[in-house]
C-alpha cells in the first residue's frame, strides 16, 4: 500500500513540474506474452546483437550528410526500427542491403515533416527520437522535440540537450498546446560548454550539432562511453574534426559539410551482461561469442564480484555451469555495494540484471540505482517469486541471496521496462514451474528475437498473443 501511494503522489509531483525538466513515456498496451517453463539448464553459444544505444546515435547521424552511409550490425528491435521509419518518413532513402546492414542517404529531406502530428506521434513512442535534434539543427537550422517515449523508470530530463543547443546559438521555445520544444538557429557558433551532467545522449546530440557549427566547440564533462566514441570516430571518417575522443573533454572544430562513410557497430554490452547473468542463474554453460571484450569496462569484474566464474578467450566469454556462487565482501568485511556511475563506471542498464542474479547467490549485496528513481520497483515481482529483497527507498535495494536453498517460483507478471523485462525473463528461466510475462513489447524494444535465440540454448519459452 505504501509503495502504491508513493507512486501515485510521485506521478502527481512529476506532472506538475516544468515540461523542460521531466518527460513521460506513454502507456503501453498488453499485446503479447512469454510463457516460460523454468528450472532448466541451458547450453551453447550465443552472439550478441548490435548495440541498441549506439544504433540510435549512429542512425540519427546519417542526417548530417547528403552522401550514402552504410551501417552494419543494426539490431532488428522495435526502438531501432521506429527510428529508421522516422527517417524514411522525413525523406531519407533507406535500403536494407542485408539482414543487419542498411544504407542511408539523406539528400532529399522534407524538413516540413517535423511540423506534422504524425512526427509528434511517432516521437512520442521513442525516447531515441531526441537524437534527431542535433543533426536537424546543424543541417537545417531548426528542430522539433516532442515529448519522447521510452521506459517508465523515473525522471529523464532534457536540460543537458536544450541548454547546450542554446549555448551553440539556438533559440528555444515550448509549445504548450502541442507539447513540443522548438529550436531555431540562423547559425550555430562554437563555444565552451560545461555539461551539467555527463549525459550520453546529451553529449552525442551536442557533438552532432557542433560538427557543422562555425568555429570551435569545447565540451567538458562529456560522456566518454564506447558508444559516444564510436559516434565520434564515425564522424571523423565523414570529415569532422574532433579531438579528445575517449575523454571527458571533446574539442570540435566545425566544418562546412560531411561526406559518406561505412560503420560497424559494437556488440551490445547490456546483452553481454544479461547472458552472463542468465548462465549463472540457470546453472548453464554459455559461450558469448564476439562479445566486444575490449569495450566492456567493469562489466566482467562486477559479475565476478557476485561470485560468477567466467573466462575470456580472445573476444569470447565462456561462463561455465556453477552450482553455487558467493558474493564477495569488501576487505574490511563490509557488504558489497553495486552502483551505477558514468563511464568507465558500471552502466545503470545492468543493475536490474545484477539484482536478479544476486537473489540466488550466497551472501548479500546493496544495489544502489543513482540515476533513475523508478527502476527498482520491479522488485515486488521478484519478492512474489520468493526472492528476499528489501526495497530501502526508490534508489536502493538490499538483496539477501538464497544460495539456491529455495528456488524462485513461477508467477504471472508484467514487464515494466526493457531492462527489468529482461531481468524478469532471466528470473523466470531459473524459477520452478510456469511463468507468464506480459507486456513483452517492452523487451522487444531492446532485445532482438530473444525468445528464438534462447530457444536455441534449450530454453522452454513460447511467445503467445493476448
Protein backbone atom coordinates (compact mmCIF):
# COMPACT_ATOMS: atom_id res chain seq x y z
CA UNK A 1 0.00 0.00 0.00
CA UNK A 2 2.81 2.40 0.88
CA UNK A 3 4.51 1.72 -2.44
CA UNK A 4 1.29 2.38 -4.39
CA UNK A 5 0.74 5.64 -2.54
CA UNK A 6 4.34 6.67 -3.18
CA UNK A 7 4.00 6.03 -6.91
CA UNK A 8 0.67 7.89 -7.05
CA UNK A 9 1.97 11.01 -5.36
CA UNK A 10 5.26 10.90 -7.24
CA UNK A 11 3.37 10.90 -10.53
CA UNK A 12 1.36 13.92 -9.41
CA UNK A 13 4.53 15.75 -8.42
CA UNK A 14 6.24 15.00 -11.72
CA UNK A 15 3.27 16.04 -13.83
CA UNK A 16 3.28 19.46 -12.17
CA UNK A 17 6.95 20.06 -12.81
CA UNK A 18 8.18 22.24 -15.65
CA UNK A 19 8.00 20.47 -19.04
CA UNK A 20 11.61 21.44 -19.62
CA UNK A 21 12.66 19.13 -16.86
CA UNK A 22 10.71 15.91 -16.98
CA UNK A 23 9.46 13.66 -19.77
CA UNK A 24 6.91 10.83 -19.62
CA UNK A 25 6.51 7.68 -21.63
CA UNK A 26 3.08 6.78 -23.00
CA UNK A 27 1.15 3.90 -21.56
CA UNK A 28 1.85 0.58 -23.30
CA UNK A 29 -0.85 -1.92 -24.17
CA UNK A 30 -0.60 -5.61 -23.37
CA UNK A 31 -0.47 -7.48 -26.67
CA UNK A 32 1.85 -10.49 -26.31
CA UNK A 33 3.27 -12.61 -23.52
CA UNK A 34 6.05 -15.09 -22.88
CA UNK A 35 5.13 -18.45 -21.38
CA UNK A 36 8.24 -19.77 -19.65
CA UNK A 37 8.79 -23.15 -18.02
CA UNK A 38 11.89 -22.61 -15.94
CA UNK A 39 14.35 -24.65 -13.95
CA UNK A 40 16.23 -25.99 -16.98
CA UNK A 41 19.96 -25.69 -17.60
CA UNK A 42 20.92 -24.20 -20.94
CA UNK A 43 23.95 -24.88 -23.09
CA UNK A 44 25.51 -23.46 -26.22
CA UNK A 45 26.83 -20.33 -27.87
CA UNK A 46 25.08 -17.04 -28.45
CA UNK A 47 26.05 -13.94 -30.45
CA UNK A 48 25.15 -10.53 -29.01
CA UNK A 49 23.19 -8.18 -31.22
CA UNK A 50 24.50 -4.80 -32.30
CA UNK A 51 24.33 -2.19 -29.57
CA UNK A 52 20.89 -0.58 -29.27
CA UNK A 53 22.13 2.64 -27.66
CA UNK A 54 24.84 3.08 -30.28
CA UNK A 55 22.39 2.39 -33.12
CA UNK A 56 20.10 5.26 -32.15
CA UNK A 57 23.00 7.74 -32.27
CA UNK A 58 24.63 6.39 -35.42
CA UNK A 59 21.39 6.24 -37.43
CA UNK A 60 20.50 9.81 -36.44
CA UNK A 61 23.96 10.96 -37.60
CA UNK A 62 23.17 9.90 -41.18
CA UNK A 63 21.12 13.11 -41.41
CA UNK A 64 24.34 15.14 -41.30
CA UNK A 65 25.35 14.37 -44.89
CA UNK A 66 23.79 14.11 -48.34
CA UNK A 67 26.08 11.21 -49.20
CA UNK A 68 25.40 7.50 -48.52
CA UNK A 69 26.19 6.00 -45.12
CA UNK A 70 26.26 2.21 -44.76
CA UNK A 71 25.82 0.79 -41.26
CA UNK A 72 26.45 -2.84 -40.29
CA UNK A 73 25.16 -4.83 -37.32
CA UNK A 74 21.92 -2.88 -36.86
CA UNK A 75 19.69 -4.84 -34.45
CA UNK A 76 16.16 -5.73 -35.55
CA UNK A 77 14.39 -4.31 -32.50
CA UNK A 78 11.35 -2.09 -32.04
CA UNK A 79 13.12 1.12 -30.99
CA UNK A 80 15.65 1.00 -33.82
CA UNK A 81 13.01 0.12 -36.42
CA UNK A 82 10.89 3.06 -35.25
CA UNK A 83 13.80 5.45 -35.73
CA UNK A 84 14.53 4.06 -39.20
CA UNK A 85 10.86 4.56 -40.12
CA UNK A 86 11.03 8.15 -38.85
CA UNK A 87 13.96 8.81 -41.18
CA UNK A 88 12.08 7.25 -44.09
CA UNK A 89 9.09 9.49 -43.36
CA UNK A 90 11.39 12.52 -43.47
CA UNK A 91 12.62 11.57 -46.94
CA UNK A 92 15.79 9.60 -46.18
CA UNK A 93 16.38 6.87 -48.76
CA UNK A 94 16.82 3.70 -46.70
CA UNK A 95 17.86 0.41 -48.30
CA UNK A 96 18.30 -2.84 -46.40
CA UNK A 97 21.27 -4.48 -48.09
CA UNK A 98 21.49 -7.47 -45.72
CA UNK A 99 19.69 -8.63 -42.53
CA UNK A 100 21.79 -6.27 -40.38
CA UNK A 101 23.14 -3.84 -42.99
CA UNK A 102 21.37 -0.65 -44.06
CA UNK A 103 22.25 2.11 -46.50
CA UNK A 104 21.04 5.62 -45.67
CA UNK A 105 21.11 8.67 -47.93
CA UNK A 106 19.61 11.92 -46.64
CA UNK A 107 19.88 14.04 -49.79
CA UNK A 108 16.17 14.83 -50.17
CA UNK A 109 14.83 15.70 -46.73
CA UNK A 110 11.30 17.03 -46.30
CA UNK A 111 12.03 19.24 -43.30
CA UNK A 112 8.39 20.31 -43.04
CA UNK A 113 7.54 16.79 -41.85
CA UNK A 114 8.81 17.68 -38.36
CA UNK A 115 5.83 20.05 -38.03
CA UNK A 116 3.24 17.29 -38.51
CA UNK A 117 1.18 15.42 -35.94
CA UNK A 118 2.50 12.15 -37.42
CA UNK A 119 6.05 13.15 -36.47
CA UNK A 120 4.99 14.09 -32.95
CA UNK A 121 3.06 10.82 -32.52
CA UNK A 122 5.98 8.63 -33.61
CA UNK A 123 8.46 10.56 -31.48
CA UNK A 124 6.12 10.02 -28.54
CA UNK A 125 6.74 6.27 -28.85
CA UNK A 126 10.52 6.51 -28.88
CA UNK A 127 12.85 8.32 -26.50
CA UNK A 128 15.65 7.86 -29.05
CA UNK A 129 13.89 10.40 -31.27
CA UNK A 130 15.66 13.07 -29.21
CA UNK A 131 18.81 12.15 -31.17
CA UNK A 132 17.35 13.75 -34.31
CA UNK A 133 17.51 17.25 -32.82
CA UNK A 134 21.27 17.80 -33.12
CA UNK A 135 21.61 16.73 -36.77
CA UNK A 136 18.46 18.61 -37.84
CA UNK A 137 19.54 21.79 -36.08
CA UNK A 138 23.05 21.56 -37.55
CA UNK A 139 21.97 20.96 -41.13
CA UNK A 140 18.57 22.64 -41.42
CA UNK A 141 18.74 25.26 -38.64
CA UNK A 142 15.59 24.00 -36.98
CA UNK A 143 14.36 21.05 -34.97
CA UNK A 144 11.33 19.90 -33.02
CA UNK A 145 11.50 17.79 -29.88
CA UNK A 146 8.11 16.30 -28.99
CA UNK A 147 7.85 14.67 -25.61
CA UNK A 148 9.67 11.41 -26.34
CA UNK A 149 8.59 8.00 -25.13
CA UNK A 150 10.64 5.19 -23.64
CA UNK A 151 10.90 3.38 -20.32
CA UNK A 152 8.92 4.45 -17.29
CA UNK A 153 11.93 4.41 -14.99
CA UNK A 154 11.70 7.87 -13.50
CA UNK A 155 12.68 11.39 -14.46
CA UNK A 156 14.73 11.65 -17.65
CA UNK A 157 15.31 15.32 -18.15
CA UNK A 158 16.31 17.00 -21.40
CA UNK A 159 18.05 20.01 -19.87
CA UNK A 160 21.54 18.93 -20.93
CA UNK A 161 20.45 18.80 -24.58
CA UNK A 162 18.43 22.01 -24.57
CA UNK A 163 20.86 24.17 -22.60
CA UNK A 164 23.70 23.02 -24.84
CA UNK A 165 21.78 23.89 -28.01
CA UNK A 166 21.07 27.35 -26.60
CA UNK A 167 24.76 27.87 -25.89
CA UNK A 168 25.51 26.97 -29.51
CA UNK A 169 23.21 29.81 -30.58
CA UNK A 170 19.79 28.20 -30.95
CA UNK A 171 16.63 29.85 -29.71
CA UNK A 172 14.32 27.65 -27.65
CA UNK A 173 10.56 27.81 -27.16
CA UNK A 174 7.94 25.42 -25.84
CA UNK A 175 4.56 24.83 -27.47
CA UNK A 176 2.29 24.11 -24.53
CA UNK A 177 -0.66 23.12 -26.73
CA UNK A 178 1.12 20.53 -28.85
CA UNK A 179 3.72 19.72 -26.17
CA UNK A 180 6.97 20.07 -28.07
CA UNK A 181 10.15 22.13 -27.94
CA UNK A 182 11.08 24.20 -30.96
CA UNK A 183 14.69 25.04 -31.78
CA UNK A 184 15.82 27.52 -34.40
CA UNK A 185 19.21 28.97 -35.29
CA UNK A 186 20.30 31.16 -38.18
CA UNK A 187 23.79 29.87 -37.49
CA UNK A 188 25.30 27.63 -34.85
CA UNK A 189 28.51 29.01 -33.36
CA UNK A 190 31.15 27.07 -31.50
CA UNK A 191 31.54 27.83 -27.81
CA UNK A 192 32.68 26.43 -24.46
CA UNK A 193 30.04 24.17 -22.89
CA UNK A 194 30.34 22.68 -19.41
CA UNK A 195 27.72 19.94 -19.33
CA UNK A 196 25.66 19.84 -16.14
CA UNK A 197 25.95 16.04 -16.22
CA UNK A 198 27.89 13.57 -18.41
CA UNK A 199 24.78 12.57 -20.33
CA UNK A 200 25.46 10.04 -23.10
CA UNK A 201 22.62 11.18 -25.33
CA UNK A 202 23.25 14.82 -24.44
CA UNK A 203 26.91 14.53 -25.41
CA UNK A 204 26.07 12.74 -28.66
CA UNK A 205 23.43 15.30 -29.60
CA UNK A 206 25.71 18.25 -28.96
CA UNK A 207 28.60 16.65 -30.84
CA UNK A 208 26.35 16.15 -33.88
CA UNK A 209 25.23 19.78 -33.70
CA UNK A 210 28.77 21.12 -33.21
CA UNK A 211 30.44 19.31 -36.13
CA UNK A 212 28.73 21.69 -38.59
CA UNK A 213 28.82 24.78 -36.35
CA UNK A 214 31.04 27.75 -37.16
CA UNK A 215 34.18 27.78 -35.04
CA UNK A 216 35.37 25.58 -32.22
CA UNK A 217 33.19 23.92 -29.59
CA UNK A 218 34.61 22.57 -26.34
CA UNK A 219 32.51 20.04 -24.45
CA UNK A 220 33.72 19.49 -20.89
CA UNK A 221 32.24 16.86 -18.56
CA UNK A 222 31.28 14.97 -21.71
CA UNK A 223 30.26 11.32 -21.59
CA UNK A 224 33.00 9.02 -22.84
CA UNK A 225 31.11 5.70 -23.21
CA UNK A 226 32.26 3.41 -26.04
CA UNK A 227 29.10 4.29 -27.99
CA UNK A 228 29.97 8.00 -27.89
CA UNK A 229 33.48 7.10 -29.02
CA UNK A 230 32.01 5.09 -31.88
CA UNK A 231 29.89 8.07 -32.97
CA UNK A 232 32.85 10.44 -32.82
CA UNK A 233 35.08 8.09 -34.78
CA UNK A 234 32.41 7.69 -37.47
CA UNK A 235 32.01 11.46 -37.73
CA UNK A 236 35.78 11.86 -38.09
CA UNK A 237 35.72 9.40 -41.00
CA UNK A 238 32.99 11.61 -42.51
CA UNK A 239 35.27 14.63 -42.29
CA UNK A 240 34.55 16.04 -38.83
CA UNK A 241 37.38 17.39 -36.69
CA UNK A 242 37.09 16.00 -33.17
CA UNK A 243 39.87 15.60 -30.64
CA UNK A 244 39.83 14.13 -27.14
CA UNK A 245 37.77 11.09 -28.15
CA UNK A 246 37.54 8.71 -25.19
CA UNK A 247 37.98 11.51 -22.62
CA UNK A 248 35.53 13.86 -20.92
CA UNK A 249 36.93 16.84 -22.85
CA UNK A 250 35.94 16.96 -26.51
CA UNK A 251 37.12 19.70 -28.88
CA UNK A 252 35.16 20.00 -32.11
CA UNK A 253 36.25 22.25 -34.95
CA UNK A 254 33.25 22.90 -37.15
CA UNK A 255 33.41 22.03 -40.86
CA UNK A 256 31.18 23.11 -43.75
CA UNK A 257 29.99 19.64 -44.76
CA UNK A 258 30.42 15.93 -44.14
CA UNK A 259 30.80 13.04 -46.55
CA UNK A 260 29.52 9.47 -46.50
CA UNK A 261 31.15 6.52 -44.79
CA UNK A 262 30.60 2.97 -43.57
CA UNK A 263 30.34 1.88 -39.96
CA UNK A 264 30.09 -1.34 -37.96
CA UNK A 265 28.51 -1.16 -34.53
CA UNK A 266 29.81 -2.73 -31.35
CA UNK A 267 28.14 -5.71 -29.67
CA UNK A 268 25.51 -4.68 -27.14
CA UNK A 269 27.24 -4.66 -23.75
CA UNK A 270 23.88 -4.93 -21.97
CA UNK A 271 23.12 -8.17 -23.81
CA UNK A 272 26.58 -9.48 -22.91
CA UNK A 273 25.95 -8.79 -19.22
CA UNK A 274 22.45 -10.28 -19.47
CA UNK A 275 23.82 -13.52 -20.89
CA UNK A 276 26.44 -13.76 -18.13
CA UNK A 277 23.67 -13.39 -15.56
CA UNK A 278 21.46 -15.89 -17.39
CA UNK A 279 24.20 -18.53 -17.32
CA UNK A 280 24.75 -18.08 -13.59
CA UNK A 281 21.05 -18.13 -12.65
CA UNK A 282 20.25 -21.25 -14.70
CA UNK A 283 23.46 -23.17 -13.87
CA UNK A 284 24.28 -23.18 -17.58
CA UNK A 285 27.43 -23.30 -19.66
CA UNK A 286 27.15 -20.50 -22.21
CA UNK A 287 29.71 -19.06 -24.61
CA UNK A 288 29.14 -15.44 -25.62
CA UNK A 289 30.80 -15.05 -29.00
CA UNK A 290 32.33 -11.83 -30.32
CA UNK A 291 31.44 -10.04 -27.11
CA UNK A 292 33.49 -6.90 -27.72
CA UNK A 293 35.57 -7.60 -24.62
CA UNK A 294 37.81 -4.55 -25.11
CA UNK A 295 34.75 -2.27 -24.71
CA UNK A 296 33.05 -3.89 -21.70
CA UNK A 297 34.79 -1.88 -18.99
CA UNK A 298 33.88 -3.09 -15.49
CA UNK A 299 31.12 -5.48 -16.57
CA UNK A 300 33.10 -8.76 -16.30
CA UNK A 301 34.62 -7.75 -12.95
CA UNK A 302 31.25 -6.77 -11.45
CA UNK A 303 29.85 -10.21 -12.22
CA UNK A 304 33.00 -11.77 -10.78
CA UNK A 305 32.30 -9.84 -7.57
CA UNK A 306 28.99 -11.69 -7.43
CA UNK A 307 30.98 -14.92 -7.46
CA UNK A 308 30.37 -15.79 -11.11
CA UNK A 309 33.21 -17.58 -12.83
CA UNK A 310 33.97 -16.55 -16.39
CA UNK A 311 36.97 -16.68 -18.61
CA UNK A 312 37.88 -14.65 -21.65
CA UNK A 313 39.30 -16.34 -24.73
CA UNK A 314 40.06 -13.85 -27.46
CA UNK A 315 36.82 -11.93 -27.96
CA UNK A 316 34.65 -14.69 -26.49
CA UNK A 317 33.40 -15.02 -22.91
CA UNK A 318 32.86 -18.52 -21.54
CA UNK A 319 30.64 -18.85 -18.47
CA UNK A 320 30.84 -22.40 -17.02
CA UNK A 321 27.94 -24.05 -15.22
CA UNK A 322 28.06 -23.26 -11.48
CA UNK A 323 26.04 -24.95 -8.77
CA UNK A 324 26.74 -22.04 -6.44
CA UNK A 325 28.28 -18.57 -6.47
CA UNK A 326 29.20 -16.42 -3.48
CA UNK A 327 29.07 -12.64 -3.33
CA UNK A 328 32.35 -11.06 -2.31
CA UNK A 329 32.64 -8.65 0.59
CA UNK A 330 34.94 -5.67 0.96
CA UNK A 331 38.33 -6.20 2.56
CA UNK A 332 37.01 -4.99 5.90
CA UNK A 333 34.10 -7.41 5.72
CA UNK A 334 31.53 -4.82 4.67
CA UNK A 335 28.61 -5.71 2.42
CA UNK A 336 29.25 -5.29 -1.29
CA UNK A 337 27.57 -2.30 -2.94
CA UNK A 338 26.98 -2.24 -6.70
CA UNK A 339 26.04 1.16 -8.08
CA UNK A 340 25.85 2.95 -11.42
CA UNK A 341 28.37 5.58 -12.41
CA UNK A 342 29.32 7.39 -15.64
CA UNK A 343 31.77 5.50 -17.84
CA UNK A 344 34.16 3.93 -17.10
CA UNK A 345 31.94 3.16 -14.12
CA UNK A 346 29.25 0.49 -14.16
CA UNK A 347 26.35 1.02 -16.54
CA UNK A 348 22.92 1.58 -14.92
CA UNK A 349 21.28 -0.61 -17.57
CA UNK A 350 22.73 -3.75 -15.96
CA UNK A 351 21.71 -3.10 -12.36
CA UNK A 352 18.38 -4.88 -12.88
CA UNK A 353 20.27 -7.96 -14.10
CA UNK A 354 22.74 -7.82 -11.20
CA UNK A 355 19.86 -7.58 -8.73
CA UNK A 356 18.16 -10.68 -10.13
CA UNK A 357 21.39 -12.68 -10.24
CA UNK A 358 22.07 -11.83 -6.58
CA UNK A 359 18.79 -13.43 -5.48
CA UNK A 360 20.27 -16.92 -5.90
CA UNK A 361 23.81 -16.12 -4.72
CA UNK A 362 25.30 -16.88 -1.33
CA UNK A 363 25.59 -13.60 0.56
CA UNK A 364 24.08 -10.15 0.37
CA UNK A 365 24.53 -7.07 -1.78
CA UNK A 366 23.24 -3.50 -1.78
CA UNK A 367 22.08 -2.29 -5.20
CA UNK A 368 22.21 1.50 -5.50
CA UNK A 369 20.49 2.88 -8.60
CA UNK A 370 21.53 6.53 -8.53
CA UNK A 371 20.23 7.70 -11.86
CA UNK A 372 16.56 6.65 -12.03
CA UNK A 373 14.17 6.55 -9.09
CA UNK A 374 11.64 4.08 -10.53
CA UNK A 375 13.93 1.40 -11.89
CA UNK A 376 13.91 -0.79 -8.78
CA UNK A 377 10.14 -1.00 -8.37
CA UNK A 378 10.04 -4.26 -10.34
CA UNK A 379 11.47 -5.96 -7.23
CA UNK A 380 7.91 -6.56 -5.99
CA UNK A 381 7.57 -9.19 -8.71
CA UNK A 382 10.78 -10.91 -7.58
CA UNK A 383 9.53 -10.89 -3.99
CA UNK A 384 6.35 -12.60 -5.21
CA UNK A 385 8.62 -15.23 -6.79
CA UNK A 386 10.21 -15.88 -3.39
CA UNK A 387 13.26 -13.60 -3.51
CA UNK A 388 14.45 -11.93 -0.31
CA UNK A 389 14.76 -8.23 -1.16
CA UNK A 390 14.39 -5.15 0.98
CA UNK A 391 13.47 -2.07 -1.05
CA UNK A 392 15.13 0.56 1.12
CA UNK A 393 13.93 3.55 -0.92
CA UNK A 394 13.37 4.36 -4.62
CA UNK A 395 17.10 4.18 -5.29
CA UNK A 396 18.37 1.30 -3.11
CA UNK A 397 17.56 -2.34 -2.57
CA UNK A 398 19.28 -4.94 -0.41
CA UNK A 399 19.28 -8.47 -1.79
CA UNK A 400 19.74 -11.40 0.58
CA UNK A 401 20.89 -14.31 -1.55
CA UNK A 402 19.02 -17.59 -1.18
CA UNK A 403 22.05 -19.67 -2.18
CA UNK A 404 19.66 -21.88 -4.21
CA UNK A 405 18.23 -23.29 -0.95
CA UNK A 406 14.86 -22.01 -2.10
CA UNK A 407 14.35 -21.70 -5.89
CA UNK A 408 12.25 -18.92 -7.28
CA UNK A 409 8.69 -19.92 -8.21
CA UNK A 410 6.90 -19.14 -11.43
CA UNK A 411 4.24 -16.39 -11.39
CA UNK A 412 2.33 -14.12 -13.77
CA UNK A 413 3.95 -10.71 -14.11
CA UNK A 414 4.27 -7.72 -16.45
CA UNK A 415 7.40 -6.19 -17.92
CA UNK A 416 7.65 -2.53 -16.82
CA UNK A 417 10.64 -1.52 -18.97
CA UNK A 418 13.29 -3.01 -21.26
CA UNK A 419 15.92 -3.90 -18.67
CA UNK A 420 13.55 -5.01 -15.92
CA UNK A 421 11.72 -7.11 -18.51
CA UNK A 422 14.91 -8.96 -19.43
CA UNK A 423 15.75 -9.40 -15.74
CA UNK A 424 12.31 -10.91 -15.09
CA UNK A 425 12.79 -13.23 -18.06
CA UNK A 426 16.06 -14.46 -16.54
CA UNK A 427 14.30 -14.97 -13.21
CA UNK A 428 11.53 -16.94 -14.93
CA UNK A 429 14.03 -19.18 -16.74
CA UNK A 430 15.62 -20.05 -13.40
CA UNK A 431 12.35 -20.48 -11.48
CA UNK A 432 10.46 -23.68 -10.84
CA UNK A 433 7.21 -24.04 -12.70
CA UNK A 434 5.44 -21.84 -15.23
CA UNK A 435 5.81 -18.08 -15.51
CA UNK A 436 3.83 -15.72 -17.71
CA UNK A 437 5.48 -12.41 -18.63
CA UNK A 438 3.06 -9.88 -20.08
CA UNK A 439 3.79 -6.63 -21.91
CA UNK A 440 6.80 -8.17 -23.64
CA UNK A 441 6.70 -5.38 -26.20
CA UNK A 442 8.96 -3.63 -23.70
CA UNK A 443 11.53 -6.43 -24.01
CA UNK A 444 11.22 -6.40 -27.81
CA UNK A 445 12.19 -2.74 -27.78
CA UNK A 446 15.73 -3.68 -26.79
CA UNK A 447 16.33 -7.40 -27.42
CA UNK A 448 16.31 -8.94 -30.89
CA UNK A 449 14.35 -12.19 -31.29
CA UNK A 450 15.24 -13.01 -27.69
CA UNK A 451 12.80 -15.94 -27.45
CA UNK A 452 14.13 -17.66 -30.58
CA UNK A 453 17.76 -17.12 -29.59
CA UNK A 454 17.19 -18.54 -26.10
CA UNK A 455 15.30 -21.49 -27.53
CA UNK A 456 18.49 -22.40 -29.40
CA UNK A 457 20.18 -22.70 -26.00
CA UNK A 458 17.44 -25.03 -24.79
CA UNK A 459 15.12 -22.57 -23.06
CA UNK A 460 11.43 -23.52 -22.80
CA UNK A 461 9.93 -20.20 -23.83
CA UNK A 462 6.92 -19.52 -26.03
CA UNK A 463 5.54 -16.25 -27.42
CA UNK A 464 1.73 -16.06 -27.36
CA UNK A 465 -0.68 -13.33 -28.46
CA UNK A 466 -3.13 -12.00 -25.92
